Amino acid sequence: MDGQTAVVLQYEQGRQAVIATSMEAWLPNQASISGTDARIDVDFMWFTPKSFTLTERTGAVERYDFPVTGNGLRFQTEEVARCVREGLLESPVMPLDESCQIMGTMDEVRAQIGLRYPGE
């Protein structure tokens, strides 16, 4: 991650993702998923969620709390371990092509903001 970056990603049918990262500012470290009928707000430390709130357009609110083991990215680690045990070369949950597409997007963001790492 860079010192500070904001990204707007455009998808089909007008969908967007807005991402802000910073090592300079203290951001809320939360995630929100907004749709036409509801919004999900994932609480502090989105990468190791312990709770989230579902708010419907009608104003109805449901809160979900659940225990979490570990300090983050546990599900990804468990999936890697499962794939290794089963001798899989890639995960059916996150195929290699999708990982490569994500890395391509990250490469494009770095190119657009002019970020170059040493040795590039």
PDB file of N, CA and C in Angstrom:
ATOM      1  N   MET A   1       0.841  -1.179   0.000  1.00  0.00           N
ATOM      2  CA  MET A   1       0.000   0.000   0.000  1.00  0.00           C
ATOM      3  C   MET A   1       0.884   1.238   0.000  1.00  0.00           C
ATOM      4  N   ASP A   2       0.420   2.265  -0.637  1.00  0.00           N
ATOM      5  CA  ASP A   2       1.125   3.534  -0.667  1.00  0.00           C
ATOM      6  C   ASP A   2       0.815   4.305   0.608  1.00  0.00           C
ATOM      7  N   GLY A   3       1.419   5.477   0.737  1.00  0.00           N
ATOM      8  CA  GLY A   3       1.128   6.317   1.892  1.00  0.00           C
ATOM      9  C   GLY A   3      -0.333   6.677   1.977  1.00  0.00           C
ATOM     10  N   GLN A   4      -0.917   7.029   0.834  1.00  0.00           N
ATOM     11  CA  GLN A   4      -2.333   7.404   0.819  1.00  0.00           C
ATOM     12  C   GLN A   4      -2.838   7.387  -0.620  1.00  0.00           C
ATOM     13  N   THR A   5      -3.949   6.729  -0.846  1.00  0.00           N
ATOM     14  CA  THR A   5      -4.509   6.626  -2.193  1.00  0.00           C
ATOM     15  C   THR A   5      -6.024   6.494  -2.113  1.00  0.00           C
ATOM     16  N   ALA A   6      -6.719   7.052  -3.079  1.00  0.00           N
ATOM     17  CA  ALA A   6      -8.163   6.855  -3.223  1.00  0.00           C
ATOM     18  C   ALA A   6      -8.408   6.361  -4.646  1.00  0.00           C
ATOM     19  N   VAL A   7      -9.306   5.399  -4.779  1.00  0.00           N
ATOM     20  CA  VAL A   7      -9.566   4.771  -6.074  1.00  0.00           C
ATOM     21  C   VAL A   7     -11.079   4.645  -6.274  1.00  0.00           C
ATOM     22  N   VAL A   8     -11.533   4.946  -7.484  1.00  0.00           N
ATOM     23  CA  VAL A   8     -12.915   4.680  -7.864  1.00  0.00           C
ATOM     24  C   VAL A   8     -12.872   3.682  -9.018  1.00  0.00           C
ATOM     25  N   LEU A   9     -13.471   2.530  -8.810  1.00  0.00           N
ATOM     26  CA  LEU A   9     -13.534   1.495  -9.843  1.00  0.00           C
ATOM     27  C   LEU A   9     -14.925   1.492 -10.461  1.00  0.00           C
ATOM     28  N   GLN A  10     -14.990   1.432 -11.784  1.00  0.00           N
ATOM     29  CA  GLN A  10     -16.256   1.427 -12.511  1.00  0.00           C
ATOM     30  C   GLN A  10     -16.522   0.021 -13.032  1.00  0.00           C
ATOM     31  N   TYR A  11     -17.744  -0.462 -12.852  1.00  0.00           N
ATOM     32  CA  TYR A  11     -18.141  -1.790 -13.300  1.00  0.00           C
ATOM     33  C   TYR A  11     -19.364  -1.685 -14.214  1.00  0.00           C
ATOM     34  N   GLU A  12     -19.754  -2.820 -14.766  1.00  0.00           N
ATOM     35  CA  GLU A  12     -20.924  -2.861 -15.641  1.00  0.00           C
ATOM     36  C   GLU A  12     -22.167  -2.382 -14.900  1.00  0.00           C
ATOM     37  N   GLN A  13     -23.127  -1.919 -15.656  1.00  0.00           N
ATOM     38  CA  GLN A  13     -24.430  -1.481 -15.146  1.00  0.00           C
ATOM     39  C   GLN A  13     -24.316  -0.344 -14.128  1.00  0.00           C
ATOM     40  N   GLY A  14     -23.251   0.471 -14.247  1.00  0.00           N
ATOM     41  CA  GLY A  14     -23.105   1.653 -13.412  1.00  0.00           C
ATOM     42  C   GLY A  14     -22.630   1.395 -11.996  1.00  0.00           C
ATOM     43  N   ARG A  15     -22.258   0.182 -11.691  1.00  0.00           N
ATOM     44  CA  ARG A  15     -21.788  -0.117 -10.338  1.00  0.00           C
ATOM     45  C   ARG A  15     -20.400   0.467 -10.115  1.00  0.00           C
ATOM     46  N   GLN A  16     -20.107   0.809  -8.861  1.00  0.00           N
ATOM     47  CA  GLN A  16     -18.822   1.391  -8.510  1.00  0.00           C
ATOM     48  C   GLN A  16     -18.298   0.794  -7.219  1.00  0.00           C
ATOM     49  N   ALA A  17     -16.999   0.864  -7.051  1.00  0.00           N
ATOM     50  CA  ALA A  17     -16.348   0.587  -5.780  1.00  0.00           C
ATOM     51  C   ALA A  17     -15.476   1.796  -5.472  1.00  0.00           C
ATOM     52  N   VAL A  18     -15.551   2.296  -4.268  1.00  0.00           N
ATOM     53  CA  VAL A  18     -14.749   3.431  -3.834  1.00  0.00           C
ATOM     54  C   VAL A  18     -13.866   2.946  -2.695  1.00  0.00           C
ATOM     55  N   ILE A  19     -12.554   3.130  -2.860  1.00  0.00           N
ATOM     56  CA  ILE A  19     -11.587   2.599  -1.904  1.00  0.00           C
ATOM     57  C   ILE A  19     -10.665   3.728  -1.467  1.00  0.00           C
ATOM     58  N   ALA A  20     -10.460   3.838  -0.169  1.00  0.00           N
ATOM     59  CA  ALA A  20      -9.502   4.802   0.370  1.00  0.00           C
ATOM     60  C   ALA A  20      -8.545   4.045   1.272  1.00  0.00           C
ATOM     61  N   THR A  21      -7.245   4.254   1.065  1.00  0.00           N
ATOM     62  CA  THR A  21      -6.227   3.631   1.903  1.00  0.00           C
ATOM     63  C   THR A  21      -5.272   4.711   2.385  1.00  0.00           C
ATOM     64  N   SER A  22      -4.759   4.533   3.593  1.00  0.00           N
ATOM     65  CA  SER A  22      -3.817   5.522   4.097  1.00  0.00           C
ATOM     66  C   SER A  22      -2.991   4.949   5.235  1.00  0.00           C
ATOM     67  N   MET A  23      -1.715   5.312   5.213  1.00  0.00           N
ATOM     68  CA  MET A  23      -0.848   5.076   6.354  1.00  0.00           C
ATOM     69  C   MET A  23      -0.564   6.405   7.041  1.00  0.00           C
ATOM     70  N   GLU A  24      -1.131   7.482   6.489  1.00  0.00           N
ATOM     71  CA  GLU A  24      -0.912   8.818   7.022  1.00  0.00           C
ATOM     72  C   GLU A  24      -2.102   9.315   7.823  1.00  0.00           C
ATOM     73  N   ALA A  25      -3.302   8.976   7.389  1.00  0.00           N
ATOM     74  CA  ALA A  25      -4.520   9.411   8.081  1.00  0.00           C
ATOM     75  C   ALA A  25      -5.132   8.217   8.801  1.00  0.00           C
ATOM     76  N   TRP A  26      -5.837   8.496   9.870  1.00  0.00           N
ATOM     77  CA  TRP A  26      -6.505   7.438  10.622  1.00  0.00           C
ATOM     78  C   TRP A  26      -7.898   7.260  10.042  1.00  0.00           C
ATOM     79  N   LEU A  27      -8.062   6.237   9.208  1.00  0.00           N
ATOM     80  CA  LEU A  27      -9.341   5.947   8.569  1.00  0.00           C
ATOM     81  C   LEU A  27     -10.125   4.952   9.417  1.00  0.00           C
ATOM     82  N   PRO A  28     -11.431   4.827   9.193  1.00  0.00           N
ATOM     83  CA  PRO A  28     -12.259   3.968  10.045  1.00  0.00           C
ATOM     84  C   PRO A  28     -12.024   2.470   9.887  1.00  0.00           C
ATOM     85  N   ASN A  29     -11.342   2.037   8.839  1.00  0.00           N
ATOM     86  CA  ASN A  29     -11.070   0.612   8.613  1.00  0.00           C
ATOM     87  C   ASN A  29     -12.351  -0.211   8.603  1.00  0.00           C
ATOM     88  N   GLN A  30     -13.355   0.337   7.936  1.00  0.00           N
ATOM     89  CA  GLN A  30     -14.650  -0.313   7.801  1.00  0.00           C
ATOM     90  C   GLN A  30     -14.945  -0.534   6.328  1.00  0.00           C
ATOM     91  N   ALA A  31     -16.002  -1.278   6.062  1.00  0.00           N
ATOM     92  CA  ALA A  31     -16.444  -1.477   4.686  1.00  0.00           C
ATOM     93  C   ALA A  31     -17.957  -1.350   4.639  1.00  0.00           C
ATOM     94  N   SER A  32     -18.461  -0.805   3.556  1.00  0.00           N
ATOM     95  CA  SER A  32     -19.899  -0.716   3.334  1.00  0.00           C
ATOM     96  C   SER A  32     -20.209  -1.264   1.957  1.00  0.00           C
ATOM     97  N   ILE A  33     -21.296  -1.991   1.890  1.00  0.00           N
ATOM     98  CA  ILE A  33     -21.796  -2.516   0.629  1.00  0.00           C
ATOM     99  C   ILE A  33     -23.190  -1.944   0.471  1.00  0.00           C
ATOM    100  N   SER A  34     -23.363  -1.096  -0.532  1.00  0.00           N
ATOM    101  CA  SER A  34     -24.635  -0.407  -0.711  1.00  0.00           C
ATOM    102  C   SER A  34     -25.325  -0.858  -1.981  1.00  0.00           C
ATOM    103  N   GLY A  35     -26.601  -1.141  -1.861  1.00  0.00           N
ATOM    104  CA  GLY A  35     -27.411  -1.518  -3.011  1.00  0.00           C
ATOM    105  C   GLY A  35     -28.638  -0.634  -3.074  1.00  0.00           C
ATOM    106  N   THR A  36     -29.561  -0.978  -3.940  1.00  0.00           N
ATOM    107  CA  THR A  36     -30.760  -0.163  -4.093  1.00  0.00           C
ATOM    108  C   THR A  36     -31.757  -0.360  -2.954  1.00  0.00           C
ATOM    109  N   ASP A  37     -31.728  -1.511  -2.293  1.00  0.00           N
ATOM    110  CA  ASP A  37     -32.709  -1.804  -1.249  1.00  0.00           C
ATOM    111  C   ASP A  37     -32.134  -1.847   0.160  1.00  0.00           C
ATOM    112  N   ALA A  38     -30.816  -1.933   0.291  1.00  0.00           N
ATOM    113  CA  ALA A  38     -30.222  -2.066   1.619  1.00  0.00           C
ATOM    114  C   ALA A  38     -28.738  -1.738   1.573  1.00  0.00           C
ATOM    115  N   ARG A  39     -28.180  -1.630   2.788  1.00  0.00           N
ATOM    116  CA  ARG A  39     -26.748  -1.381   2.941  1.00  0.00           C
ATOM    117  C   ARG A  39     -26.229  -2.277   4.062  1.00  0.00           C
ATOM    118  N   ILE A  40     -25.047  -2.833   3.855  1.00  0.00           N
ATOM    119  CA  ILE A  40     -24.368  -3.609   4.892  1.00  0.00           C
ATOM    120  C   ILE A  40     -23.143  -2.808   5.313  1.00  0.00           C
ATOM    121  N   ASP A  41     -23.041  -2.545   6.608  1.00  0.00           N
ATOM    122  CA  ASP A  41     -21.882  -1.852   7.154  1.00  0.00           C
ATOM    123  C   ASP A  41     -21.098  -2.846   8.000  1.00  0.00           C
ATOM    124  N   VAL A  42     -19.894  -3.165   7.535  1.00  0.00           N
ATOM    125  CA  VAL A  42     -19.011  -4.076   8.254  1.00  0.00           C
ATOM    126  C   VAL A  42     -18.195  -3.233   9.218  1.00  0.00           C
ATOM    127  N   ASP A  43     -18.215  -3.608  10.486  1.00  0.00           N
ATOM    128  CA  ASP A  43     -17.570  -2.804  11.514  1.00  0.00           C
ATOM    129  C   ASP A  43     -16.053  -2.849  11.443  1.00  0.00           C
ATOM    130  N   PHE A  44     -15.429  -2.153  12.359  1.00  0.00           N
ATOM    131  CA  PHE A  44     -13.983  -1.972  12.447  1.00  0.00           C
ATOM    132  C   PHE A  44     -13.229  -3.259  12.123  1.00  0.00           C
ATOM    133  N   MET A  45     -12.182  -3.098  11.362  1.00  0.00           N
ATOM    134  CA  MET A  45     -11.318  -4.162  10.875  1.00  0.00           C
ATOM    135  C   MET A  45     -12.092  -5.074   9.924  1.00  0.00           C
ATOM    136  N   TRP A  46     -12.470  -4.527   8.798  1.00  0.00           N
ATOM    137  CA  TRP A  46     -13.278  -5.238   7.800  1.00  0.00           C
ATOM    138  C   TRP A  46     -12.672  -6.569   7.383  1.00  0.00           C
ATOM    139  N   PHE A  47     -11.353  -6.702   7.481  1.00  0.00           N
ATOM    140  CA  PHE A  47     -10.714  -7.938   7.040  1.00  0.00           C
ATOM    141  C   PHE A  47     -10.764  -9.028   8.107  1.00  0.00           C
ATOM    142  N   THR A  48     -11.265  -8.710   9.281  1.00  0.00           N
ATOM    143  CA  THR A  48     -11.529  -9.712  10.316  1.00  0.00           C
ATOM    144  C   THR A  48     -12.834  -9.331  11.006  1.00  0.00           C
ATOM    145  N   PRO A  49     -13.929  -9.362  10.262  1.00  0.00           N
ATOM    146  CA  PRO A  49     -15.191  -8.836  10.784  1.00  0.00           C
ATOM    147  C   PRO A  49     -15.735  -9.654  11.955  1.00  0.00           C
ATOM    148  N   LYS A  50     -16.176  -8.919  12.965  1.00  0.00           N
ATOM    149  CA  LYS A  50     -16.817  -9.540  14.117  1.00  0.00           C
ATOM    150  C   LYS A  50     -18.291  -9.177  14.172  1.00  0.00           C
ATOM    151  N   SER A  51     -18.663  -8.187  13.370  1.00  0.00           N
ATOM    152  CA  SER A  51     -20.060  -7.756  13.366  1.00  0.00           C
ATOM    153  C   SER A  51     -20.342  -6.923  12.121  1.00  0.00           C
ATOM    154  N   PHE A  52     -21.621  -6.867  11.783  1.00  0.00           N
ATOM    155  CA  PHE A  52     -22.057  -5.967  10.720  1.00  0.00           C
ATOM    156  C   PHE A  52     -23.508  -5.608  10.951  1.00  0.00           C
ATOM    157  N   THR A  53     -23.926  -4.534  10.298  1.00  0.00           N
ATOM    158  CA  THR A  53     -25.296  -4.061  10.411  1.00  0.00           C
ATOM    159  C   THR A  53     -25.920  -4.036   9.027  1.00  0.00           C
ATOM    160  N   LEU A  54     -27.115  -4.584   8.924  1.00  0.00           N
ATOM    161  CA  LEU A  54     -27.899  -4.552   7.694  1.00  0.00           C
ATOM    162  C   LEU A  54     -28.982  -3.509   7.888  1.00  0.00           C
ATOM    163  N   THR A  55     -28.973  -2.475   7.060  1.00  0.00           N
ATOM    164  CA  THR A  55     -29.980  -1.418   7.124  1.00  0.00           C
ATOM    165  C   THR A  55     -30.765  -1.422   5.822  1.00  0.00           C
ATOM    166  N   GLU A  56     -32.048  -1.662   5.926  1.00  0.00           N
ATOM    167  CA  GLU A  56     -32.909  -1.682   4.741  1.00  0.00           C
ATOM    168  C   GLU A  56     -33.400  -0.283   4.424  1.00  0.00           C
ATOM    169  N   ARG A  57     -33.770  -0.071   3.180  1.00  0.00           N
ATOM    170  CA  ARG A  57     -34.284   1.228   2.756  1.00  0.00           C
ATOM    171  C   ARG A  57     -35.496   1.644   3.586  1.00  0.00           C
ATOM    172  N   THR A  58     -36.237   0.665   4.070  1.00  0.00           N
ATOM    173  CA  THR A  58     -37.421   0.935   4.892  1.00  0.00           C
ATOM    174  C   THR A  58     -37.063   1.491   6.263  1.00  0.00           C
ATOM    175  N   GLY A  59     -35.781   1.406   6.621  1.00  0.00           N
ATOM    176  CA  GLY A  59     -35.332   1.853   7.934  1.00  0.00           C
ATOM    177  C   GLY A  59     -35.128   0.712   8.913  1.00  0.00           C
ATOM    178  N   ALA A  60     -35.548  -0.484   8.537  1.00  0.00           N
ATOM    179  CA  ALA A  60     -35.347  -1.649   9.398  1.00  0.00           C
ATOM    180  C   ALA A  60     -33.852  -1.927   9.534  1.00  0.00           C
ATOM    181  N   VAL A  61     -33.437  -2.208  10.755  1.00  0.00           N
ATOM    182  CA  VAL A  61     -32.013  -2.444  11.046  1.00  0.00           C
ATOM    183  C   VAL A  61     -31.865  -3.785  11.745  1.00  0.00           C
ATOM    184  N   GLU A  62     -30.927  -4.581  11.245  1.00  0.00           N
ATOM    185  CA  GLU A  62     -30.597  -5.848  11.891  1.00  0.00           C
ATOM    186  C   GLU A  62     -29.103  -5.853  12.173  1.00  0.00           C
ATOM    187  N   ARG A  63     -28.749  -6.254  13.380  1.00  0.00           N
ATOM    188  CA  ARG A  63     -27.349  -6.302  13.800  1.00  0.00           C
ATOM    189  C   ARG A  63     -26.916  -7.759  13.902  1.00  0.00           C
ATOM    190  N   TYR A  64     -25.725  -8.053  13.391  1.00  0.00           N
ATOM    191  CA  TYR A  64     -25.177  -9.408  13.428  1.00  0.00           C
ATOM    192  C   TYR A  64     -23.815  -9.361  14.116  1.00  0.00           C
ATOM    193  N   ASP A  65     -23.667 -10.148  15.163  1.00  0.00           N
ATOM    194  CA  ASP A  65     -22.401 -10.260  15.881  1.00  0.00           C
ATOM    195  C   ASP A  65     -22.014 -11.726  15.919  1.00  0.00           C
ATOM    196  N   PHE A  66     -20.738 -12.022  15.750  1.00  0.00           N
ATOM    197  CA  PHE A  66     -20.290 -13.409  15.775  1.00  0.00           C
ATOM    198  C   PHE A  66     -18.827 -13.453  16.205  1.00  0.00           C
ATOM    199  N   PRO A  67     -18.430 -14.555  16.825  1.00  0.00           N
ATOM    200  CA  PRO A  67     -17.036 -14.669  17.280  1.00  0.00           C
ATOM    201  C   PRO A  67     -16.085 -14.866  16.099  1.00  0.00           C
ATOM    202  N   VAL A  68     -14.885 -14.352  16.246  1.00  0.00           N
ATOM    203  CA  VAL A  68     -13.863 -14.504  15.224  1.00  0.00           C
ATOM    204  C   VAL A  68     -12.589 -15.016  15.885  1.00  0.00           C
ATOM    205  N   THR A  69     -12.001 -16.011  15.266  1.00  0.00           N
ATOM    206  CA  THR A  69     -10.722 -16.532  15.738  1.00  0.00           C
ATOM    207  C   THR A  69      -9.609 -15.936  14.894  1.00  0.00           C
ATOM    208  N   GLY A  70      -8.557 -15.480  15.522  1.00  0.00           N
ATOM    209  CA  GLY A  70      -7.419 -14.950  14.776  1.00  0.00           C
ATOM    210  C   GLY A  70      -7.472 -13.459  14.599  1.00  0.00           C
ATOM    211  N   ASN A  71      -6.530 -12.952  13.801  1.00  0.00           N
ATOM    212  CA  ASN A  71      -6.371 -11.508  13.633  1.00  0.00           C
ATOM    213  C   ASN A  71      -6.624 -11.028  12.212  1.00  0.00           C
ATOM    214  N   GLY A  72      -7.286 -11.814  11.413  1.00  0.00           N
ATOM    215  CA  GLY A  72      -7.617 -11.352  10.077  1.00  0.00           C
ATOM    216  C   GLY A  72      -7.179 -12.296   8.988  1.00  0.00           C
ATOM    217  N   LEU A  73      -7.899 -12.256   7.904  1.00  0.00           N
ATOM    218  CA  LEU A  73      -7.638 -13.056   6.712  1.00  0.00           C
ATOM    219  C   LEU A  73      -7.649 -14.560   7.016  1.00  0.00           C
ATOM    220  N   ARG A  74      -8.343 -14.948   8.068  1.00  0.00           N
ATOM    221  CA  ARG A  74      -8.415 -16.343   8.477  1.00  0.00           C
ATOM    222  C   ARG A  74      -9.040 -17.225   7.405  1.00  0.00           C
ATOM    223  N   PHE A  75     -10.107 -16.765   6.803  1.00  0.00           N
ATOM    224  CA  PHE A  75     -10.808 -17.583   5.810  1.00  0.00           C
ATOM    225  C   PHE A  75      -9.930 -17.842   4.586  1.00  0.00           C
ATOM    226  N   GLN A  76      -9.153 -16.837   4.193  1.00  0.00           N
ATOM    227  CA  GLN A  76      -8.244 -17.010   3.067  1.00  0.00           C
ATOM    228  C   GLN A  76      -7.167 -18.041   3.415  1.00  0.00           C
ATOM    229  N   THR A  77      -6.635 -17.954   4.620  1.00  0.00           N
ATOM    230  CA  THR A  77      -5.606 -18.900   5.050  1.00  0.00           C
ATOM    231  C   THR A  77      -6.158 -20.314   5.104  1.00  0.00           C
ATOM    232  N   GLU A  78      -7.372 -20.456   5.627  1.00  0.00           N
ATOM    233  CA  GLU A  78      -7.998 -21.782   5.690  1.00  0.00           C
ATOM    234  C   GLU A  78      -8.223 -22.357   4.292  1.00  0.00           C
ATOM    235  N   GLU A  79      -8.581 -21.508   3.339  1.00  0.00           N
ATOM    236  CA  GLU A  79      -8.807 -21.986   1.977  1.00  0.00           C
ATOM    237  C   GLU A  79      -7.498 -22.435   1.333  1.00  0.00           C
ATOM    238  N   VAL A  80      -6.420 -21.692   1.554  1.00  0.00           N
ATOM    239  CA  VAL A  80      -5.113 -22.099   1.034  1.00  0.00           C
ATOM    240  C   VAL A  80      -4.717 -23.447   1.624  1.00  0.00           C
ATOM    241  N   ALA A  81      -4.883 -23.602   2.924  1.00  0.00           N
ATOM    242  CA  ALA A  81      -4.534 -24.870   3.579  1.00  0.00           C
ATOM    243  C   ALA A  81      -5.364 -26.024   3.009  1.00  0.00           C
ATOM    244  N   ARG A  82      -6.645 -25.785   2.781  1.00  0.00           N
ATOM    245  CA  ARG A  82      -7.515 -26.820   2.212  1.00  0.00           C
ATOM    246  C   ARG A  82      -7.039 -27.216   0.823  1.00  0.00           C
ATOM    247  N   CYS A  83      -6.707 -26.233   0.006  1.00  0.00           N
ATOM    248  CA  CYS A  83      -6.252 -26.516  -1.354  1.00  0.00           C
ATOM    249  C   CYS A  83      -4.948 -27.307  -1.340  1.00  0.00           C
ATOM    250  N   VAL A  84      -4.032 -26.945  -0.457  1.00  0.00           N
ATOM    251  CA  VAL A  84      -2.761 -27.669  -0.360  1.00  0.00           C
ATOM    252  C   VAL A  84      -3.019 -29.119   0.051  1.00  0.00           C
ATOM    253  N   ARG A  85      -3.864 -29.304   1.072  1.00  0.00           N
ATOM    254  CA  ARG A  85      -4.184 -30.671   1.528  1.00  0.00           C
ATOM    255  C   ARG A  85      -4.775 -31.517   0.412  1.00  0.00           C
ATOM    256  N   GLU A  86      -5.627 -30.890  -0.416  1.00  0.00           N
ATOM    257  CA  GLU A  86      -6.308 -31.622  -1.482  1.00  0.00           C
ATOM    258  C   GLU A  86      -5.518 -31.676  -2.782  1.00  0.00           C
ATOM    259  N   GLY A  87      -4.332 -31.085  -2.790  1.00  0.00           N
ATOM    260  CA  GLY A  87      -3.490 -31.114  -3.973  1.00  0.00           C
ATOM    261  C   GLY A  87      -3.986 -30.231  -5.106  1.00  0.00           C
ATOM    262  N   LEU A  88      -4.796 -29.224  -4.781  1.00  0.00           N
ATOM    263  CA  LEU A  88      -5.317 -28.324  -5.805  1.00  0.00           C
ATOM    264  C   LEU A  88      -4.266 -27.269  -6.156  1.00  0.00           C
ATOM    265  N   LEU A  89      -4.178 -26.910  -7.423  1.00  0.00           N
ATOM    266  CA  LEU A  89      -3.249 -25.875  -7.856  1.00  0.00           C
ATOM    267  C   LEU A  89      -3.854 -24.482  -7.767  1.00  0.00           C
ATOM    268  N   GLU A  90      -5.179 -24.416  -7.628  1.00  0.00           N
ATOM    269  CA  GLU A  90      -5.853 -23.144  -7.419  1.00  0.00           C
ATOM    270  C   GLU A  90      -7.169 -23.404  -6.708  1.00  0.00           C
ATOM    271  N   SER A  91      -7.692 -22.369  -6.106  1.00  0.00           N
ATOM    272  CA  SER A  91      -8.940 -22.485  -5.351  1.00  0.00           C
ATOM    273  C   SER A  91     -10.139 -22.290  -6.273  1.00  0.00           C
ATOM    274  N   PRO A  92     -11.151 -23.150  -6.150  1.00  0.00           N
ATOM    275  CA  PRO A  92     -12.378 -22.898  -6.908  1.00  0.00           C
ATOM    276  C   PRO A  92     -13.125 -21.675  -6.362  1.00  0.00           C
ATOM    277  N   VAL A  93     -12.823 -21.286  -5.132  1.00  0.00           N
ATOM    278  CA  VAL A  93     -13.457 -20.107  -4.531  1.00  0.00           C
ATOM    279  C   VAL A  93     -12.845 -18.830  -5.100  1.00  0.00           C
ATOM    280  N   MET A  94     -11.521 -18.830  -5.297  1.00  0.00           N
ATOM    281  CA  MET A  94     -10.813 -17.683  -5.863  1.00  0.00           C
ATOM    282  C   MET A  94      -9.843 -18.214  -6.912  1.00  0.00           C
ATOM    283  N   PRO A  95     -10.343 -18.410  -8.135  1.00  0.00           N
ATOM    284  CA  PRO A  95      -9.489 -18.960  -9.200  1.00  0.00           C
ATOM    285  C   PRO A  95      -8.306 -18.046  -9.526  1.00  0.00           C
ATOM    286  N   LEU A  96      -7.257 -18.650 -10.050  1.00  0.00           N
ATOM    287  CA  LEU A  96      -6.047 -17.915 -10.409  1.00  0.00           C
ATOM    288  C   LEU A  96      -6.352 -16.761 -11.365  1.00  0.00           C
ATOM    289  N   ASP A  97      -7.228 -16.981 -12.343  1.00  0.00           N
ATOM    290  CA  ASP A  97      -7.560 -15.907 -13.290  1.00  0.00           C
ATOM    291  C   ASP A  97      -8.108 -14.675 -12.574  1.00  0.00           C
ATOM    292  N   GLU A  98      -8.948 -14.900 -11.549  1.00  0.00           N
ATOM    293  CA  GLU A  98      -9.510 -13.766 -10.816  1.00  0.00           C
ATOM    294  C   GLU A  98      -8.427 -13.050 -10.004  1.00  0.00           C
ATOM    295  N   SER A  99      -7.535 -13.814  -9.394  1.00  0.00           N
ATOM    296  CA  SER A  99      -6.411 -13.203  -8.663  1.00  0.00           C
ATOM    297  C   SER A  99      -5.558 -12.365  -9.613  1.00  0.00           C
ATOM    298  N   CYS A 100      -5.305 -12.877 -10.812  1.00  0.00           N
ATOM    299  CA  CYS A 100      -4.507 -12.144 -11.807  1.00  0.00           C
ATOM    300  C   CYS A 100      -5.226 -10.879 -12.260  1.00  0.00           C
ATOM    301  N   GLN A 101      -6.555 -10.931 -12.404  1.00  0.00           N
ATOM    302  CA  GLN A 101      -7.316  -9.732 -12.771  1.00  0.00           C
ATOM    303  C   GLN A 101      -7.211  -8.667 -11.686  1.00  0.00           C
ATOM    304  N   ILE A 102      -7.294  -9.090 -10.430  1.00  0.00           N
ATOM    305  CA  ILE A 102      -7.173  -8.146  -9.313  1.00  0.00           C
ATOM    306  C   ILE A 102      -5.787  -7.510  -9.319  1.00  0.00           C
ATOM    307  N   MET A 103      -4.751  -8.322  -9.519  1.00  0.00           N
ATOM    308  CA  MET A 103      -3.391  -7.782  -9.569  1.00  0.00           C
ATOM    309  C   MET A 103      -3.237  -6.823 -10.750  1.00  0.00           C
ATOM    310  N   GLY A 104      -3.886  -7.134 -11.872  1.00  0.00           N
ATOM    311  CA  GLY A 104      -3.854  -6.229 -13.019  1.00  0.00           C
ATOM    312  C   GLY A 104      -4.482  -4.885 -12.683  1.00  0.00           C
ATOM    313  N   THR A 105      -5.584  -4.908 -11.946  1.00  0.00           N
ATOM    314  CA  THR A 105      -6.222  -3.662 -11.508  1.00  0.00           C
ATOM    315  C   THR A 105      -5.294  -2.883 -10.592  1.00  0.00           C
ATOM    316  N   MET A 106      -4.653  -3.584  -9.672  1.00  0.00           N
ATOM    317  CA  MET A 106      -3.712  -2.909  -8.767  1.00  0.00           C
ATOM    318  C   MET A 106      -2.532  -2.324  -9.524  1.00  0.00           C
ATOM    319  N   ASP A 107      -2.035  -3.040 -10.535  1.00  0.00           N
ATOM    320  CA  ASP A 107      -0.950  -2.519 -11.370  1.00  0.00           C
ATOM    321  C   ASP A 107      -1.401  -1.252 -12.096  1.00  0.00           C
ATOM    322  N   GLU A 108      -2.646  -1.243 -12.585  1.00  0.00           N
ATOM    323  CA  GLU A 108      -3.171  -0.074 -13.292  1.00  0.00           C
ATOM    324  C   GLU A 108      -3.301   1.120 -12.350  1.00  0.00           C
ATOM    325  N   VAL A 109      -3.770   0.894 -11.137  1.00  0.00           N
ATOM    326  CA  VAL A 109      -3.862   1.978 -10.156  1.00  0.00           C
ATOM    327  C   VAL A 109      -2.480   2.564  -9.894  1.00  0.00           C
ATOM    328  N   ARG A 110      -1.505   1.708  -9.666  1.00  0.00           N
ATOM    329  CA  ARG A 110      -0.135   2.200  -9.417  1.00  0.00           C
ATOM    330  C   ARG A 110       0.383   2.995 -10.610  1.00  0.00           C
ATOM    331  N   ALA A 111       0.095   2.511 -11.819  1.00  0.00           N
ATOM    332  CA  ALA A 111       0.551   3.233 -13.014  1.00  0.00           C
ATOM    333  C   ALA A 111      -0.109   4.609 -13.100  1.00  0.00           C
ATOM    334  N   GLN A 112      -1.409   4.673 -12.810  1.00  0.00           N
ATOM    335  CA  GLN A 112      -2.123   5.952 -12.917  1.00  0.00           C
ATOM    336  C   GLN A 112      -1.691   6.975 -11.870  1.00  0.00           C
ATOM    337  N   ILE A 113      -1.269   6.503 -10.707  1.00  0.00           N
ATOM    338  CA  ILE A 113      -0.833   7.467  -9.685  1.00  0.00           C
ATOM    339  C   ILE A 113       0.679   7.713  -9.739  1.00  0.00           C
ATOM    340  N   GLY A 114       1.346   7.008 -10.671  1.00  0.00           N
ATOM    341  CA  GLY A 114       2.772   7.212 -10.860  1.00  0.00           C
ATOM    342  C   GLY A 114       3.663   6.527  -9.841  1.00  0.00           C
ATOM    343  N   LEU A 115       3.152   5.508  -9.189  1.00  0.00           N
ATOM    344  CA  LEU A 115       3.936   4.803  -8.169  1.00  0.00           C
ATOM    345  C   LEU A 115       4.815   3.754  -8.827  1.00  0.00           C
ATOM    346  N   ARG A 116       6.088   3.802  -8.511  1.00  0.00           N
ATOM    347  CA  ARG A 116       7.035   2.789  -8.958  1.00  0.00           C
ATOM    348  C   ARG A 116       7.823   2.320  -7.762  1.00  0.00           C
ATOM    349  N   TYR A 117       7.921   1.019  -7.615  1.00  0.00           N
ATOM    350  CA  TYR A 117       8.712   0.450  -6.527  1.00  0.00           C
ATOM    351  C   TYR A 117      10.158   0.338  -6.965  1.00  0.00           C
ATOM    352  N   PRO A 118      11.095   0.359  -6.012  1.00  0.00           N
ATOM    353  CA  PRO A 118      12.507   0.212  -6.375  1.00  0.00           C
ATOM    354  C   PRO A 118      12.721  -1.074  -7.178  1.00  0.00           C
ATOM    355  N   GLY A 119      13.526  -0.975  -8.218  1.00  0.00           N
ATOM    356  CA  GLY A 119      13.814  -2.137  -9.053  1.00  0.00           C
ATOM    357  C   GLY A 119      12.842  -2.319 -10.204  1.00  0.00           C
ATOM    358  N   GLU A 120      11.824  -1.486 -10.294  1.00  0.00           N
ATOM    359  CA  GLU A 120      10.869  -1.605 -11.412  1.00  0.00           C
ATOM    360  C   GLU A 120      11.381  -0.851 -12.621  1.00  0.00           C
TER     361      GLU A 120
END
